[in-house]
C-alpha atoms as a PDB file:
ATOM      1  CA  UNK A   1      18.127 -40.360 -23.517  1.00  0.00           C
ATOM      2  CA  UNK A   2      16.789 -37.494 -24.942  1.00  0.00           C
ATOM      3  CA  UNK A   3      15.034 -34.897 -22.836  1.00  0.00           C
ATOM      4  CA  UNK A   4      12.835 -32.260 -23.664  1.00  0.00           C
ATOM      5  CA  UNK A   5      11.664 -29.276 -21.528  1.00  0.00           C
ATOM      6  CA  UNK A   6       8.779 -27.052 -22.012  1.00  0.00           C
ATOM      7  CA  UNK A   7      10.485 -23.957 -19.812  1.00  0.00           C
ATOM      8  CA  UNK A   8       7.295 -20.990 -19.299  1.00  0.00           C
ATOM      9  CA  UNK A   9       6.466 -18.509 -17.686  1.00  0.00           C
ATOM     10  CA  UNK A  10       4.733 -19.915 -14.433  1.00  0.00           C
ATOM     11  CA  UNK A  11       5.618 -23.842 -15.310  1.00  0.00           C
ATOM     12  CA  UNK A  12       8.760 -25.366 -16.784  1.00  0.00           C
ATOM     13  CA  UNK A  13       7.503 -29.163 -18.393  1.00  0.00           C
ATOM     14  CA  UNK A  14       9.745 -32.151 -19.198  1.00  0.00           C
ATOM     15  CA  UNK A  15       9.847 -35.385 -20.787  1.00  0.00           C
ATOM     16  CA  UNK A  16      11.752 -37.803 -22.421  1.00  0.00           C
ATOM     17  CA  UNK A  17      11.245 -39.024 -25.820  1.00  0.00           C
ATOM     18  CA  UNK A  18      10.116 -42.128 -25.380  1.00  0.00           C
ATOM     19  CA  UNK A  19       7.714 -41.078 -22.859  1.00  0.00           C
ATOM     20  CA  UNK A  20       8.683 -42.890 -20.053  1.00  0.00           C
ATOM     21  CA  UNK A  21       9.901 -39.449 -17.807  1.00  0.00           C
ATOM     22  CA  UNK A  22       7.554 -36.669 -17.717  1.00  0.00           C
ATOM     23  CA  UNK A  23       7.042 -34.489 -15.105  1.00  0.00           C
ATOM     24  CA  UNK A  24       5.693 -30.514 -14.707  1.00  0.00           C
ATOM     25  CA  UNK A  25       7.082 -27.816 -12.159  1.00  0.00           C
ATOM     26  CA  UNK A  26       5.430 -25.086 -11.635  1.00  0.00           C
ATOM     27  CA  UNK A  27       8.281 -22.270 -11.428  1.00  0.00           C
ATOM     28  CA  UNK A  28       6.655 -18.311 -11.467  1.00  0.00           C
ATOM     29  CA  UNK A  29       9.746 -16.469 -13.186  1.00  0.00           C
ATOM     30  CA  UNK A  30       8.463 -13.299 -12.015  1.00  0.00           C
ATOM     31  CA  UNK A  31       8.780 -14.665  -8.409  1.00  0.00           C
ATOM     32  CA  UNK A  32      12.604 -15.184  -9.359  1.00  0.00           C
ATOM     33  CA  UNK A  33      11.537 -19.344  -8.797  1.00  0.00           C
ATOM     34  CA  UNK A  34      15.180 -20.859  -8.831  1.00  0.00           C
ATOM     35  CA  UNK A  35      14.880 -22.471 -12.759  1.00  0.00           C
ATOM     36  CA  UNK A  36      18.739 -23.138 -12.851  1.00  0.00           C
ATOM     37  CA  UNK A  37      18.423 -25.549  -9.290  1.00  0.00           C
ATOM     38  CA  UNK A  38      15.658 -27.523 -10.707  1.00  0.00           C
ATOM     39  CA  UNK A  39      16.874 -28.082 -13.708  1.00  0.00           C
ATOM     40  CA  UNK A  40      20.023 -29.376 -13.164  1.00  0.00           C
ATOM     41  CA  UNK A  41      18.088 -31.957 -10.740  1.00  0.00           C
ATOM     42  CA  UNK A  42      16.654 -32.882 -13.719  1.00  0.00           C
ATOM     43  CA  UNK A  43      20.064 -33.208 -15.225  1.00  0.00           C
ATOM     44  CA  UNK A  44      21.765 -35.537 -12.361  1.00  0.00           C
ATOM     45  CA  UNK A  45      18.425 -37.522 -12.161  1.00  0.00           C
ATOM     46  CA  UNK A  46      17.835 -38.136 -15.845  1.00  0.00           C
ATOM     47  CA  UNK A  47      21.703 -37.424 -18.060  1.00  0.00           C
ATOM     48  CA  UNK A  48      20.385 -36.929 -20.379  1.00  0.00           C
ATOM     49  CA  UNK A  49      22.295 -37.077 -23.872  1.00  0.00           C
ATOM     50  CA  UNK A  50      20.491 -33.907 -25.629  1.00  0.00           C
ATOM     51  CA  UNK A  51      18.391 -31.618 -24.302  1.00  0.00           C
ATOM     52  CA  UNK A  52      15.761 -30.339 -26.828  1.00  0.00           C
ATOM     53  CA  UNK A  53      14.064 -26.461 -25.171  1.00  0.00           C
ATOM     54  CA  UNK A  54      11.594 -24.609 -26.397  1.00  0.00           C
ATOM     55  CA  UNK A  55      10.413 -21.247 -24.750  1.00  0.00           C
ATOM     56  CA  UNK A  56       7.511 -19.290 -23.904  1.00  0.00           C
ATOM     57  CA  UNK A  57       8.853 -17.881 -20.829  1.00  0.00           C
ATOM     58  CA  UNK A  58      10.599 -14.667 -22.243  1.00  0.00           C
ATOM     59  CA  UNK A  59       7.188 -13.046 -21.915  1.00  0.00           C
ATOM     60  CA  UNK A  60       7.228 -13.175 -17.905  1.00  0.00           C
ATOM     61  CA  UNK A  61       7.621  -8.957 -16.144  1.00  0.00           C
ATOM     62  CA  UNK A  62      10.536  -9.283 -14.716  1.00  0.00           C
ATOM     63  CA  UNK A  63      12.106  -9.133 -17.813  1.00  0.00           C
ATOM     64  CA  UNK A  64      12.307  -5.536 -19.832  1.00  0.00           C
ATOM     65  CA  UNK A  65      11.616  -6.988 -22.948  1.00  0.00           C
ATOM     66  CA  UNK A  66      11.542 -10.917 -24.802  1.00  0.00           C
ATOM     67  CA  UNK A  67      15.364 -10.391 -25.613  1.00  0.00           C
ATOM     68  CA  UNK A  68      16.037 -10.663 -22.897  1.00  0.00           C
ATOM     69  CA  UNK A  69      13.952 -13.440 -21.582  1.00  0.00           C
ATOM     70  CA  UNK A  70      15.292 -15.546 -24.144  1.00  0.00           C
ATOM     71  CA  UNK A  71      19.139 -14.730 -23.820  1.00  0.00           C
ATOM     72  CA  UNK A  72      18.431 -15.023 -19.945  1.00  0.00           C
ATOM     73  CA  UNK A  73      16.815 -19.161 -20.268  1.00  0.00           C
ATOM     74  CA  UNK A  74      18.769 -19.900 -22.754  1.00  0.00           C
ATOM     75  CA  UNK A  75      21.862 -18.858 -20.518  1.00  0.00           C
ATOM     76  CA  UNK A  76      20.682 -20.611 -18.006  1.00  0.00           C
ATOM     77  CA  UNK A  77      19.419 -24.398 -20.153  1.00  0.00           C
ATOM     78  CA  UNK A  78      22.955 -24.460 -21.048  1.00  0.00           C
ATOM     79  CA  UNK A  79      24.796 -23.955 -18.003  1.00  0.00           C
ATOM     80  CA  UNK A  80      22.015 -27.073 -16.817  1.00  0.00           C
ATOM     81  CA  UNK A  81      23.101 -29.421 -18.881  1.00  0.00           C
ATOM     82  CA  UNK A  82      26.227 -31.283 -19.427  1.00  0.00           C
ATOM     83  CA  UNK A  83      25.375 -32.328 -23.278  1.00  0.00           C
ATOM     84  CA  UNK A  84      24.372 -30.405 -25.890  1.00  0.00           C
ATOM     85  CA  UNK A  85      21.255 -28.287 -25.674  1.00  0.00           C
ATOM     86  CA  UNK A  86      19.436 -27.399 -28.965  1.00  0.00           C
ATOM     87  CA  UNK A  87      16.499 -24.757 -28.990  1.00  0.00           C
ATOM     88  CA  UNK A  88      13.289 -25.484 -31.481  1.00  0.00           C
ATOM     89  CA  UNK A  89      11.976 -22.561 -33.941  1.00  0.00           C
ATOM     90  CA  UNK A  90       9.912 -21.822 -36.140  1.00  0.00           C
ATOM     91  CA  UNK A  91      12.581 -22.412 -38.808  1.00  0.00           C
ATOM     92  CA  UNK A  92      13.162 -25.633 -36.769  1.00  0.00           C
ATOM     93  CA  UNK A  93      16.392 -26.457 -34.340  1.00  0.00           C
ATOM     94  CA  UNK A  94      19.886 -24.945 -33.265  1.00  0.00           C
ATOM     95  CA  UNK A  95      22.072 -25.355 -31.210  1.00  0.00           C
ATOM     96  CA  UNK A  96      23.263 -22.175 -29.034  1.00  0.00           C
ATOM     97  CA  UNK A  97      26.565 -22.134 -30.247  1.00  0.00           C
ATOM     98  CA  UNK A  98      24.320 -21.415 -33.981  1.00  0.00           C
ATOM     99  CA  UNK A  99      22.651 -18.490 -32.427  1.00  0.00           C
ATOM    100  CA  UNK A 100      25.091 -15.076 -32.080  1.00  0.00           C
ATOM    101  CA  UNK A 101      23.761 -12.727 -29.004  1.00  0.00           C
ATOM    102  CA  UNK A 102      23.846 -10.173 -32.080  1.00  0.00           C
ATOM    103  CA  UNK A 103      21.112 -12.275 -34.711  1.00  0.00           C
ATOM    104  CA  UNK A 104      17.621 -10.494 -33.211  1.00  0.00           C
ATOM    105  CA  UNK A 105      15.970 -12.561 -35.924  1.00  0.00           C
ATOM    106  CA  UNK A 106      16.846 -15.741 -34.905  1.00  0.00           C
ATOM    107  CA  UNK A 107      16.931 -15.851 -31.215  1.00  0.00           C
ATOM    108  CA  UNK A 108      13.208 -13.882 -31.664  1.00  0.00           C
ATOM    109  CA  UNK A 109      12.405 -17.047 -33.921  1.00  0.00           C
ATOM    110  CA  UNK A 110      11.962 -19.397 -30.692  1.00  0.00           C
ATOM    111  CA  UNK A 111      10.134 -17.025 -28.749  1.00  0.00           C
ATOM    112  CA  UNK A 112       6.481 -18.722 -27.557  1.00  0.00           C
ATOM    113  CA  UNK A 113       7.270 -22.119 -30.017  1.00  0.00           C
ATOM    114  CA  UNK A 114       6.363 -24.289 -27.792  1.00  0.00           C
ATOM    115  CA  UNK A 115       3.117 -24.724 -29.642  1.00  0.00           C
ATOM    116  CA  UNK A 116       4.737 -25.070 -33.043  1.00  0.00           C
ATOM    117  CA  UNK A 117       6.512 -27.850 -31.827  1.00  0.00           C
ATOM    118  CA  UNK A 118       3.743 -30.048 -30.664  1.00  0.00           C
ATOM    119  CA  UNK A 119       1.947 -29.136 -34.261  1.00  0.00           C
ATOM    120  CA  UNK A 120       4.866 -30.114 -36.466  1.00  0.00           C
ATOM    121  CA  UNK A 121       4.570 -33.245 -34.064  1.00  0.00           C
ATOM    122  CA  UNK A 122       1.103 -33.461 -34.418  1.00  0.00           C
ATOM    123  CA  UNK A 123       1.213 -33.353 -38.306  1.00  0.00           C
ATOM    124  CA  UNK A 124       3.691 -36.014 -39.808  1.00  0.00           C
ATOM    125  CA  UNK A 125       1.541 -38.473 -36.818  1.00  0.00           C
ATOM    126  CA  UNK A 126      -2.245 -37.472 -37.043  1.00  0.00           C
ATOM    127  CA  UNK A 127      -2.829 -35.580 -39.921  1.00  0.00           C
ATOM    128  CA  UNK A 128      -5.106 -32.189 -40.434  1.00  0.00           C
ATOM    129  CA  UNK A 129      -6.920 -31.465 -36.988  1.00  0.00           C
ATOM    130  CA  UNK A 130      -7.371 -28.253 -34.736  1.00  0.00           C
ATOM    131  CA  UNK A 131      -4.708 -29.014 -32.037  1.00  0.00           C
ATOM    132  CA  UNK A 132      -6.029 -27.728 -29.147  1.00  0.00           C
ATOM    133  CA  UNK A 133      -3.767 -27.172 -25.983  1.00  0.00           C
ATOM    134  CA  UNK A 134      -5.332 -26.056 -22.926  1.00  0.00           C
ATOM    135  CA  UNK A 135      -3.259 -24.994 -19.865  1.00  0.00           C
ATOM    136  CA  UNK A 136      -2.778 -23.225 -16.800  1.00  0.00           C
ATOM    137  CA  UNK A 137      -2.574 -19.658 -18.263  1.00  0.00           C
ATOM    138  CA  UNK A 138      -3.943 -20.297 -22.089  1.00  0.00           C
ATOM    139  CA  UNK A 139      -5.303 -21.701 -24.701  1.00  0.00           C
ATOM    140  CA  UNK A 140      -2.994 -22.209 -28.524  1.00  0.00           C
ATOM    141  CA  UNK A 141      -5.858 -23.142 -30.668  1.00  0.00           C
ATOM    142  CA  UNK A 142      -3.439 -24.277 -33.827  1.00  0.00           C
ATOM    143  CA  UNK A 143      -5.267 -25.535 -37.162  1.00  0.00           C
ATOM    144  CA  UNK A 144      -2.896 -28.592 -39.017  1.00  0.00           C
ATOM    145  CA  UNK A 145      -4.005 -28.265 -42.995  1.00  0.00           C
ATOM    146  CA  UNK A 146      -0.396 -30.557 -44.100  1.00  0.00           C
ATOM    147  CA  UNK A 147       1.366 -28.224 -41.747  1.00  0.00           C
ATOM    148  CA  UNK A 148       0.376 -25.958 -39.319  1.00  0.00           C
ATOM    149  CA  UNK A 149      -1.169 -22.541 -39.935  1.00  0.00           C
ATOM    150  CA  UNK A 150      -1.089 -20.378 -36.916  1.00  0.00           C
ATOM    151  CA  UNK A 151       0.494 -17.070 -37.128  1.00  0.00           C
ATOM    152  CA  UNK A 152       4.608 -16.801 -35.696  1.00  0.00           C
ATOM    153  CA  UNK A 153       4.203 -14.752 -32.932  1.00  0.00           C
ATOM    154  CA  UNK A 154       1.714 -14.184 -29.824  1.00  0.00           C
ATOM    155  CA  UNK A 155       0.620 -11.232 -30.909  1.00  0.00           C
ATOM    156  CA  UNK A 156      -0.850 -12.426 -34.258  1.00  0.00           C
ATOM    157  CA  UNK A 157      -1.711 -15.495 -32.718  1.00  0.00           C
ATOM    158  CA  UNK A 158      -4.215 -13.486 -30.287  1.00  0.00           C
ATOM    159  CA  UNK A 159      -5.506 -11.337 -33.169  1.00  0.00           C
ATOM    160  CA  UNK A 160      -6.172 -14.396 -35.053  1.00  0.00           C
ATOM    161  CA  UNK A 161      -7.401 -16.131 -32.659  1.00  0.00           C
ATOM    162  CA  UNK A 162      -4.940 -19.240 -32.229  1.00  0.00           C
ATOM    163  CA  UNK A 163      -3.816 -18.011 -28.517  1.00  0.00           C
ATOM    164  CA  UNK A 164      -6.864 -17.893 -26.414  1.00  0.00           C
ATOM    165  CA  UNK A 165      -5.657 -16.219 -22.952  1.00  0.00           C
ATOM    166  CA  UNK A 166      -7.569 -18.274 -19.964  1.00  0.00           C
ATOM    167  CA  UNK A 167      -6.257 -21.088 -18.620  1.00  0.00           C
ATOM    168  CA  UNK A 168      -7.982 -24.196 -16.110  1.00  0.00           C
ATOM    169  CA  UNK A 169      -6.239 -22.648 -13.269  1.00  0.00           C
ATOM    170  CA  UNK A 170      -4.705 -19.361 -13.222  1.00  0.00           C
ATOM    171  CA  UNK A 171      -7.254 -16.967 -15.052  1.00  0.00           C
ATOM    172  CA  UNK A 172      -8.348 -13.835 -12.774  1.00  0.00           C
ATOM    173  CA  UNK A 173     -12.148 -14.577 -12.042  1.00  0.00           C
ATOM    174  CA  UNK A 174     -13.365 -10.911 -13.281  1.00  0.00           C
ATOM    175  CA  UNK A 175     -11.669 -11.707 -16.682  1.00  0.00           C
ATOM    176  CA  UNK A 176     -13.656 -14.564 -17.307  1.00  0.00           C
ATOM    177  CA  UNK A 177     -17.185 -13.548 -15.316  1.00  0.00           C
ATOM    178  CA  UNK A 178     -17.999  -9.608 -15.574  1.00  0.00           C
ATOM    179  CA  UNK A 179     -21.079  -9.893 -14.048  1.00  0.00           C
ATOM    180  CA  UNK A 180     -22.221 -13.122 -11.843  1.00  0.00           C
ATOM    181  CA  UNK A 181     -26.326 -13.408 -11.366  1.00  0.00           C
ATOM    182  CA  UNK A 182     -26.744 -13.707  -7.610  1.00  0.00           C
ATOM    183  CA  UNK A 183     -29.885 -13.970  -5.813  1.00  0.00           C
ATOM    184  CA  UNK A 184     -31.823 -12.445  -8.025  1.00  0.00           C
ATOM    185  CA  UNK A 185     -28.916  -9.653  -8.190  1.00  0.00           C
ATOM    186  CA  UNK A 186     -26.818  -8.573 -11.026  1.00  0.00           C
ATOM    187  CA  UNK A 187     -23.223  -8.362  -9.914  1.00  0.00           C
ATOM    188  CA  UNK A 188     -20.222  -7.392 -11.507  1.00  0.00           C
ATOM    189  CA  UNK A 189     -17.220  -8.440  -9.794  1.00  0.00           C
ATOM    190  CA  UNK A 190     -14.861  -6.537  -8.413  1.00  0.00           C
ATOM    191  CA  UNK A 191     -11.791  -6.012 -11.287  1.00  0.00           C
ATOM    192  CA  UNK A 192      -9.080  -7.441  -8.167  1.00  0.00           C
ATOM    193  CA  UNK A 193      -7.039 -10.482  -8.005  1.00  0.00           C
ATOM    194  CA  UNK A 194      -9.937 -12.142  -5.531  1.00  0.00           C
ATOM    195  CA  UNK A 195     -10.158 -15.209  -6.844  1.00  0.00           C
ATOM    196  CA  UNK A 196      -9.155 -17.694 -10.030  1.00  0.00           C
ATOM    197  CA  UNK A 197     -10.688 -19.894 -11.707  1.00  0.00           C
ATOM    198  CA  UNK A 198      -9.223 -22.905 -10.354  1.00  0.00           C
ATOM    199  CA  UNK A 199     -11.221 -21.920  -6.784  1.00  0.00           C
ATOM    200  CA  UNK A 200     -14.233 -22.200  -8.995  1.00  0.00           C
ATOM    201  CA  UNK A 201     -13.052 -25.748 -10.385  1.00  0.00           C
ATOM    202  CA  UNK A 202     -11.992 -26.990  -6.745  1.00  0.00           C
ATOM    203  CA  UNK A 203     -15.086 -25.838  -4.893  1.00  0.00           C
ATOM    204  CA  UNK A 204     -17.545 -27.781  -7.786  1.00  0.00           C
ATOM    205  CA  UNK A 205     -15.311 -30.091  -8.215  1.00  0.00           C
ATOM    206  CA  UNK A 206     -14.029 -30.812 -11.478  1.00  0.00           C
ATOM    207  CA  UNK A 207     -10.179 -30.908  -9.807  1.00  0.00           C
ATOM    208  CA  UNK A 208      -8.302 -32.485  -7.024  1.00  0.00           C
ATOM    209  CA  UNK A 209      -6.274 -30.848  -4.806  1.00  0.00           C
ATOM    210  CA  UNK A 210      -3.309 -32.115  -6.640  1.00  0.00           C
ATOM    211  CA  UNK A 211      -4.121 -30.217  -9.438  1.00  0.00           C
ATOM    212  CA  UNK A 212      -4.362 -27.464  -8.178  1.00  0.00           C
ATOM    213  CA  UNK A 213      -0.655 -26.184  -8.827  1.00  0.00           C
ATOM    214  CA  UNK A 214      -0.753 -22.480  -8.629  1.00  0.00           C
ATOM    215  CA  UNK A 215      -0.477 -20.128  -6.930  1.00  0.00           C
ATOM    216  CA  UNK A 216      -4.116 -18.341  -4.768  1.00  0.00           C
ATOM    217  CA  UNK A 217      -5.272 -15.367  -5.059  1.00  0.00           C
ATOM    218  CA  UNK A 218      -4.834 -14.294  -1.415  1.00  0.00           C
ATOM    219  CA  UNK A 219      -1.592 -16.915  -0.828  1.00  0.00           C
ATOM    220  CA  UNK A 220      -3.595 -18.840   1.749  1.00  0.00           C
ATOM    221  CA  UNK A 221      -4.678 -22.506   1.243  1.00  0.00           C
ATOM    222  CA  UNK A 222      -5.956 -24.542  -1.216  1.00  0.00           C
ATOM    223  CA  UNK A 223      -8.939 -26.186   0.252  1.00  0.00           C
ATOM    224  CA  UNK A 224     -12.444 -25.544  -0.346  1.00  0.00           C
ATOM    225  CA  UNK A 225     -13.623 -23.421   2.152  1.00  0.00           C
ATOM    226  CA  UNK A 226     -10.377 -21.193   0.843  1.00  0.00           C
ATOM    227  CA  UNK A 227     -11.836 -21.559  -2.459  1.00  0.00           C
ATOM    228  CA  UNK A 228     -15.612 -20.657  -1.485  1.00  0.00           C
ATOM    229  CA  UNK A 229     -14.553 -17.466   0.533  1.00  0.00           C
ATOM    230  CA  UNK A 230     -12.389 -16.218  -2.317  1.00  0.00           C
ATOM    231  CA  UNK A 231     -15.645 -16.878  -4.654  1.00  0.00           C
ATOM    232  CA  UNK A 232     -17.542 -14.730  -1.949  1.00  0.00           C
ATOM    233  CA  UNK A 233     -14.804 -11.877  -2.313  1.00  0.00           C
ATOM    234  CA  UNK A 234     -15.016 -11.275  -5.422  1.00  0.00           C
ATOM    235  CA  UNK A 235     -18.203  -9.553  -5.201  1.00  0.00           C
ATOM    236  CA  UNK A 236     -17.297  -7.524  -2.550  1.00  0.00           C
ATOM    237  CA  UNK A 237     -18.634 -10.341   0.043  1.00  0.00           C
ATOM    238  CA  UNK A 238     -17.698 -12.377   2.718  1.00  0.00           C
ATOM    239  CA  UNK A 239     -19.057 -16.407   2.697  1.00  0.00           C
ATOM    240  CA  UNK A 240     -21.713 -14.952   5.162  1.00  0.00           C
ATOM    241  CA  UNK A 241     -23.028 -12.843   3.337  1.00  0.00           C
ATOM    242  CA  UNK A 242     -24.242 -14.836  -0.013  1.00  0.00           C
ATOM    243  CA  UNK A 243     -23.584 -18.062   1.426  1.00  0.00           C
ATOM    244  CA  UNK A 244     -22.296 -21.856  -0.123  1.00  0.00           C
ATOM    245  CA  UNK A 245     -24.965 -20.928  -2.509  1.00  0.00           C
ATOM    246  CA  UNK A 246     -24.077 -17.699  -3.791  1.00  0.00           C
ATOM    247  CA  UNK A 247     -20.061 -18.610  -3.637  1.00  0.00           C
ATOM    248  CA  UNK A 248     -21.250 -21.716  -5.988  1.00  0.00           C
ATOM    249  CA  UNK A 249     -23.126 -19.569  -8.410  1.00  0.00           C
ATOM    250  CA  UNK A 250     -19.958 -18.090  -8.745  1.00  0.00           C
ATOM    251  CA  UNK A 251     -18.196 -20.948 -10.206  1.00  0.00           C
ATOM    252  CA  UNK A 252     -21.306 -22.285 -12.184  1.00  0.00           C
ATOM    253  CA  UNK A 253     -21.456 -19.276 -14.248  1.00  0.00           C
ATOM    254  CA  UNK A 254     -17.600 -18.811 -14.593  1.00  0.00           C
ATOM    255  CA  UNK A 255     -16.973 -22.259 -15.796  1.00  0.00           C
ATOM    256  CA  UNK A 256     -19.291 -22.096 -18.178  1.00  0.00           C
ATOM    257  CA  UNK A 257     -18.862 -18.599 -19.472  1.00  0.00           C
ATOM    258  CA  UNK A 258     -14.996 -20.042 -20.497  1.00  0.00           C
ATOM    259  CA  UNK A 259     -16.292 -22.768 -21.837  1.00  0.00           C
ATOM    260  CA  UNK A 260     -18.031 -20.849 -24.183  1.00  0.00           C
ATOM    261  CA  UNK A 261     -15.485 -18.751 -25.011  1.00  0.00           C
ATOM    262  CA  UNK A 262     -13.588 -22.202 -26.020  1.00  0.00           C
ATOM    263  CA  UNK A 263     -16.221 -23.779 -27.584  1.00  0.00           C
ATOM    264  CA  UNK A 264     -16.369 -19.881 -30.122  1.00  0.00           C
ATOM    265  CA  UNK A 265     -12.792 -20.040 -30.012  1.00  0.00           C
ATOM    266  CA  UNK A 266     -12.556 -23.424 -31.502  1.00  0.00           C
ATOM    267  CA  UNK A 267     -15.574 -23.506 -33.857  1.00  0.00           C
ATOM    268  CA  UNK A 268     -13.958 -20.085 -35.470  1.00  0.00           C
ATOM    269  CA  UNK A 269     -11.260 -22.044 -36.063  1.00  0.00           C
ATOM    270  CA  UNK A 270     -12.830 -24.856 -37.201  1.00  0.00           C
ATOM    271  CA  UNK A 271     -14.786 -22.912 -39.995  1.00  0.00           C
ATOM    272  CA  UNK A 272     -12.329 -20.920 -40.924  1.00  0.00           C
ATOM    273  CA  UNK A 273      -9.710 -23.690 -42.186  1.00  0.00           C
ATOM    274  CA  UNK A 274     -12.347 -26.212 -42.825  1.00  0.00           C
ATOM    275  CA  UNK A 275     -11.154 -28.754 -39.986  1.00  0.00           C
ATOM    276  CA  UNK A 276     -13.163 -32.147 -39.269  1.00  0.00           C
ATOM    277  CA  UNK A 277     -11.673 -32.851 -36.166  1.00  0.00           C
ATOM    278  CA  UNK A 278     -10.156 -31.749 -33.234  1.00  0.00           C
ATOM    279  CA  UNK A 279      -6.916 -32.861 -30.510  1.00  0.00           C
ATOM    280  CA  UNK A 280      -6.774 -32.173 -27.517  1.00  0.00           C
ATOM    281  CA  UNK A 281      -3.727 -31.777 -24.675  1.00  0.00           C
ATOM    282  CA  UNK A 282      -3.037 -30.057 -21.168  1.00  0.00           C
ATOM    283  CA  UNK A 283      -4.541 -30.718 -17.827  1.00  0.00           C
ATOM    284  CA  UNK A 284      -7.934 -28.625 -20.075  1.00  0.00           C
ATOM    285  CA  UNK A 285      -7.710 -31.529 -22.611  1.00  0.00           C
ATOM    286  CA  UNK A 286     -11.488 -33.269 -20.467  1.00  0.00           C
ATOM    287  CA  UNK A 287     -12.492 -28.886 -21.410  1.00  0.00           C
ATOM    288  CA  UNK A 288     -11.294 -28.993 -25.109  1.00  0.00           C
ATOM    289  CA  UNK A 289     -13.280 -32.168 -25.378  1.00  0.00           C
ATOM    290  CA  UNK A 290     -16.522 -30.846 -23.895  1.00  0.00           C
ATOM    291  CA  UNK A 291     -16.378 -27.608 -26.085  1.00  0.00           C
ATOM    292  CA  UNK A 292     -15.592 -30.369 -29.210  1.00  0.00           C
ATOM    293  CA  UNK A 293     -18.700 -32.313 -28.349  1.00  0.00           C
ATOM    294  CA  UNK A 294     -20.902 -29.375 -28.564  1.00  0.00           C
ATOM    295  CA  UNK A 295     -19.845 -28.788 -31.629  1.00  0.00           C
ATOM    296  CA  UNK A 296     -20.503 -32.363 -32.816  1.00  0.00           C
ATOM    297  CA  UNK A 297     -16.993 -32.466 -34.381  1.00  0.00           C
ATOM    298  CA  UNK A 298     -14.812 -35.890 -33.640  1.00  0.00           C
ATOM    299  CA  UNK A 299     -12.150 -35.487 -30.607  1.00  0.00           C
ATOM    300  CA  UNK A 300      -8.648 -37.148 -31.123  1.00  0.00           C
ATOM    301  CA  UNK A 301      -7.586 -37.359 -26.399  1.00  0.00           C
ATOM    302  CA  UNK A 302      -4.246 -37.193 -26.372  1.00  0.00           C
ATOM    303  CA  UNK A 303      -3.940 -38.894 -23.449  1.00  0.00           C
ATOM    304  CA  UNK A 304      -5.444 -41.678 -25.208  1.00  0.00           C
ATOM    305  CA  UNK A 305      -2.575 -41.626 -27.480  1.00  0.00           C
ATOM    306  CA  UNK A 306      -0.024 -40.643 -25.549  1.00  0.00           C
ATOM    307  CA  UNK A 307      -1.169 -40.904 -21.747  1.00  0.00           C
ATOM    308  CA  UNK A 308      -2.026 -38.826 -19.488  1.00  0.00           C
ATOM    309  CA  UNK A 309       1.134 -37.334 -18.268  1.00  0.00           C
ATOM    310  CA  UNK A 310       2.609 -36.657 -21.904  1.00  0.00           C
ATOM    311  CA  UNK A 311      -0.653 -34.874 -22.531  1.00  0.00           C
ATOM    312  CA  UNK A 312      -0.070 -32.102 -19.397  1.00  0.00           C
ATOM    313  CA  UNK A 313       3.457 -32.171 -20.981  1.00  0.00           C
ATOM    314  CA  UNK A 314       2.946 -31.927 -24.916  1.00  0.00           C
ATOM    315  CA  UNK A 315       5.596 -29.414 -26.544  1.00  0.00           C
ATOM    316  CA  UNK A 316       8.253 -31.122 -24.030  1.00  0.00           C
ATOM    317  CA  UNK A 317       7.504 -34.028 -25.364  1.00  0.00           C
ATOM    318  CA  UNK A 318       6.915 -33.580 -29.067  1.00  0.00           C
ATOM    319  CA  UNK A 319      10.351 -31.317 -29.082  1.00  0.00           C
ATOM    320  CA  UNK A 320      12.303 -34.453 -27.980  1.00  0.00           C
ATOM    321  CA  UNK A 321      10.382 -36.071 -30.128  1.00  0.00           C
ATOM    322  CA  UNK A 322      11.436 -34.078 -33.034  1.00  0.00           C
ATOM    323  CA  UNK A 323      14.983 -33.720 -31.788  1.00  0.00           C
ATOM    324  CA  UNK A 324      15.304 -37.852 -31.816  1.00  0.00           C
ATOM    325  CA  UNK A 325      15.150 -37.620 -35.722  1.00  0.00           C
ATOM    326  CA  UNK A 326      16.923 -34.311 -36.517  1.00  0.00           C
ATOM    327  CA  UNK A 327      19.943 -34.127 -38.980  1.00  0.00           C
ATOM    328  CA  UNK A 328      21.107 -31.509 -36.621  1.00  0.00           C
ATOM    329  CA  UNK A 329      21.387 -33.903 -33.470  1.00  0.00           C
ATOM    330  CA  UNK A 330      21.587 -36.956 -35.267  1.00  0.00           C
ATOM    331  CA  UNK A 331      24.736 -35.494 -37.169  1.00  0.00           C
END
């Protein structure tokens, strides 16, 4: 059994190369979550022959630098498993014993490379497309023309529009919707973490409670009434002041604005690279499909090719599949 891991700042995802196992665990690293304990439990349950890892959690602000984050996460992964562990970077795989702690170049090649594993597999199995993966926190937009064409760092991908820092759940509402139209007023949203886009989507029935997998802004429950209350708070109001209709107006406008942002980002990459179709993955796959439809683009849903559970954790699945045929493992 070959296991793939995608260790992010908020979620750790796992999948087997045969697609029979897929799991996502909310583990916010900045809250000192028990990453090693969870990985050891996966090791005991699945007994993998080898583990392939991609890492994005190095950006969590519990680490003083990305290098420190990478070294810490790599050490945890190696301690947790009783089999060889391989790390995917933009140049391919390396075992932990191949990366020296003093070799900054090699270690930094592993930073934020989960999209690279996904795109490498899709380049082989689907071909030219714009690969779009929307998770709880961010959205990757990776142009593929024979090979992945994206920049190699988060900084450069942000600059080129290949990383859009908006996700289906965790994004603060004020980051998406600066001003809401409520009861004839144009009201600026307070730039506080009063509500997230997860509250908007739950209130509108776009996600179920089991899809609300992140923390709430106020640490309270995830029910619809609490989400409506948080939405009202985002404009410094109580629900009694603006009513359910006012809270829902905020939710509808926030979701529409996020879709516009996603659509514009996709359109830019499609035109820039002359692409003719989109491949959609992640928990926001359905929203990507809606944006592709707005653009009149063919959209390949990875849930239909690989299953919905795999689509949600696609980088973990992709890196497991890549290790399966890589000389570093076969050797």
